[in-house]
Amino acid sequence: MRSSHILDTVYTWKAHEECEEIAIRLKMYDNCDNDYGLTEEDFTEEITSEYMDLMHKMNPHVFPVFKPHLEMVQFRYKLGAVIRHYKQLDKKE
């Protein structure tokens, strides 16, 4: 997805299709509380939070032990895990 916007200056917003889909699915645009909409920082924080929640649900008993290691996982892997999780949910529906 690509779109142009004017706020303080003209800028172009670009997003991968899967990133756009997961942002909509997780209602990230509904939670924007600034004039800039969904920022890269917002997106990263939301995906990281969702990833940690998924890891906790999958392994609640060992999660506290692995939490520090999970926080160090590269963002692209966190994003991939979240996208895969929701695609699997869609297949089950």
C-alpha atoms as a PDB file:
ATOM      1  CA  MET A   1       0.000   0.000   0.000  1.00  0.00           C
ATOM      2  CA  ARG A   2       1.237   3.463  -0.802  1.00  0.00           C
ATOM      3  CA  SER A   3      -0.435   6.801  -0.107  1.00  0.00           C
ATOM      4  CA  SER A   4       0.533  10.465   0.084  1.00  0.00           C
ATOM      5  CA  HIS A   5      -0.424  12.777   2.938  1.00  0.00           C
ATOM      6  CA  ILE A   6      -0.005  16.354   4.058  1.00  0.00           C
ATOM      7  CA  LEU A   7       0.491  17.235   7.695  1.00  0.00           C
ATOM      8  CA  ASP A   8       3.375  19.568   8.451  1.00  0.00           C
ATOM      9  CA  THR A   9       4.906  18.535   5.131  1.00  0.00           C
ATOM     10  CA  VAL A  10       4.007  16.241   2.264  1.00  0.00           C
ATOM     11  CA  TYR A  11       5.022  12.642   2.921  1.00  0.00           C
ATOM     12  CA  THR A  12       4.432   9.205   1.472  1.00  0.00           C
ATOM     13  CA  TRP A  13       3.271   6.304   3.602  1.00  0.00           C
ATOM     14  CA  LYS A  14       4.298   2.857   2.388  1.00  0.00           C
ATOM     15  CA  ALA A  15       3.333  -0.458   3.932  1.00  0.00           C
ATOM     16  CA  HIS A  16       3.633  -4.081   2.916  1.00  0.00           C
ATOM     17  CA  GLU A  17       0.269  -5.666   2.212  1.00  0.00           C
ATOM     18  CA  GLU A  18       0.651  -8.159   5.076  1.00  0.00           C
ATOM     19  CA  CYS A  19       1.669  -5.393   7.489  1.00  0.00           C
ATOM     20  CA  GLU A  20      -1.355  -3.348   6.477  1.00  0.00           C
ATOM     21  CA  GLU A  21      -3.631  -6.366   6.943  1.00  0.00           C
ATOM     22  CA  ILE A  22      -2.288  -7.175  10.413  1.00  0.00           C
ATOM     23  CA  ALA A  23      -2.519  -3.504  11.460  1.00  0.00           C
ATOM     24  CA  ILE A  24      -6.186  -3.497  10.468  1.00  0.00           C
ATOM     25  CA  ARG A  25      -6.825  -6.890  12.079  1.00  0.00           C
ATOM     26  CA  LEU A  26      -5.308  -5.725  15.374  1.00  0.00           C
ATOM     27  CA  LYS A  27      -7.207  -2.408  15.135  1.00  0.00           C
ATOM     28  CA  MET A  28      -4.000  -0.378  15.315  1.00  0.00           C
ATOM     29  CA  TYR A  29      -5.525   2.521  13.404  1.00  0.00           C
ATOM     30  CA  ASP A  30      -8.312   2.758  15.979  1.00  0.00           C
ATOM     31  CA  ASN A  31      -5.749   3.297  18.745  1.00  0.00           C
ATOM     32  CA  CYS A  32      -3.820   6.172  17.139  1.00  0.00           C
ATOM     33  CA  ASP A  33      -3.650   9.054  19.572  1.00  0.00           C
ATOM     34  CA  ASN A  34      -1.577  11.542  17.632  1.00  0.00           C
ATOM     35  CA  ASP A  35      -1.904  13.656  14.501  1.00  0.00           C
ATOM     36  CA  TYR A  36       0.399  11.354  12.546  1.00  0.00           C
ATOM     37  CA  GLY A  37      -1.754   8.231  12.611  1.00  0.00           C
ATOM     38  CA  LEU A  38      -0.032   4.893  12.945  1.00  0.00           C
ATOM     39  CA  THR A  39       3.704   5.435  13.230  1.00  0.00           C
ATOM     40  CA  GLU A  40       6.478   2.911  12.736  1.00  0.00           C
ATOM     41  CA  GLU A  41       7.106   3.052  16.474  1.00  0.00           C
ATOM     42  CA  ASP A  42       3.429   2.355  17.231  1.00  0.00           C
ATOM     43  CA  PHE A  43       3.399  -0.570  14.802  1.00  0.00           C
ATOM     44  CA  THR A  44       6.580  -2.048  16.292  1.00  0.00           C
ATOM     45  CA  GLU A  45       5.268  -1.743  19.851  1.00  0.00           C
ATOM     46  CA  GLU A  46       1.904  -3.304  18.971  1.00  0.00           C
ATOM     47  CA  ILE A  47       3.478  -6.257  17.138  1.00  0.00           C
ATOM     48  CA  THR A  48       5.971  -6.826  19.955  1.00  0.00           C
ATOM     49  CA  SER A  49       3.170  -6.776  22.529  1.00  0.00           C
ATOM     50  CA  GLU A  50       1.057  -9.181  20.461  1.00  0.00           C
ATOM     51  CA  TYR A  51       4.048 -11.493  19.999  1.00  0.00           C
ATOM     52  CA  MET A  52       4.745 -11.575  23.727  1.00  0.00           C
ATOM     53  CA  ASP A  53       1.066 -12.274  24.449  1.00  0.00           C
ATOM     54  CA  LEU A  54       1.055 -15.152  21.960  1.00  0.00           C
ATOM     55  CA  MET A  55       4.228 -16.639  23.436  1.00  0.00           C
ATOM     56  CA  HIS A  56       2.742 -16.384  26.932  1.00  0.00           C
ATOM     57  CA  LYS A  57      -0.496 -18.106  25.846  1.00  0.00           C
ATOM     58  CA  MET A  58       1.438 -20.896  24.142  1.00  0.00           C
ATOM     59  CA  ASN A  59       3.810 -21.526  27.083  1.00  0.00           C
ATOM     60  CA  PRO A  60       2.382 -19.963  30.256  1.00  0.00           C
ATOM     61  CA  HIS A  61       4.445 -22.065  32.661  1.00  0.00           C
ATOM     62  CA  VAL A  62       7.845 -21.399  31.114  1.00  0.00           C
ATOM     63  CA  PHE A  63       7.179 -17.907  29.758  1.00  0.00           C
ATOM     64  CA  PRO A  64       8.761 -16.070  32.740  1.00  0.00           C
ATOM     65  CA  VAL A  65      12.011 -17.956  32.210  1.00  0.00           C
ATOM     66  CA  PHE A  66      12.165 -17.263  28.465  1.00  0.00           C
ATOM     67  CA  LYS A  67      10.738 -13.726  28.478  1.00  0.00           C
ATOM     68  CA  PRO A  68      14.157 -11.965  28.451  1.00  0.00           C
ATOM     69  CA  HIS A  69      15.219 -14.083  25.467  1.00  0.00           C
ATOM     70  CA  LEU A  70      11.941 -13.504  23.622  1.00  0.00           C
ATOM     71  CA  GLU A  71      12.343  -9.748  24.017  1.00  0.00           C
ATOM     72  CA  MET A  72      15.654  -9.982  22.151  1.00  0.00           C
ATOM     73  CA  VAL A  73      14.130 -11.750  19.117  1.00  0.00           C
ATOM     74  CA  GLN A  74      14.507  -9.635  15.967  1.00  0.00           C
ATOM     75  CA  PHE A  75      11.408  -7.695  15.024  1.00  0.00           C
ATOM     76  CA  ARG A  76      10.994  -9.372  11.633  1.00  0.00           C
ATOM     77  CA  TYR A  77      10.644 -12.765  13.363  1.00  0.00           C
ATOM     78  CA  LYS A  78       8.103 -11.375  15.817  1.00  0.00           C
ATOM     79  CA  LEU A  79       6.134  -9.908  12.932  1.00  0.00           C
ATOM     80  CA  GLY A  80       6.280 -13.179  11.002  1.00  0.00           C
ATOM     81  CA  ALA A  81       5.046 -15.155  14.010  1.00  0.00           C
ATOM     82  CA  VAL A  82       2.107 -12.792  14.540  1.00  0.00           C
ATOM     83  CA  ILE A  83       1.132 -12.864  10.858  1.00  0.00           C
ATOM     84  CA  ARG A  84       1.372 -16.676  10.741  1.00  0.00           C
ATOM     85  CA  HIS A  85      -0.751 -16.982  13.879  1.00  0.00           C
ATOM     86  CA  TYR A  86      -3.585 -14.919  12.424  1.00  0.00           C
ATOM     87  CA  LYS A  87      -3.397 -16.682   9.062  1.00  0.00           C
ATOM     88  CA  GLN A  88      -3.771 -20.011  10.884  1.00  0.00           C
ATOM     89  CA  LEU A  89      -6.790 -18.631  12.749  1.00  0.00           C
ATOM     90  CA  ASP A  90      -8.330 -17.591   9.442  1.00  0.00           C
ATOM     91  CA  LYS A  91      -7.878 -21.125   8.057  1.00  0.00           C
ATOM     92  CA  LYS A  92      -9.687 -22.596  11.077  1.00  0.00           C
ATOM     93  CA  GLU A  93     -12.708 -20.309  10.616  1.00  0.00           C
END
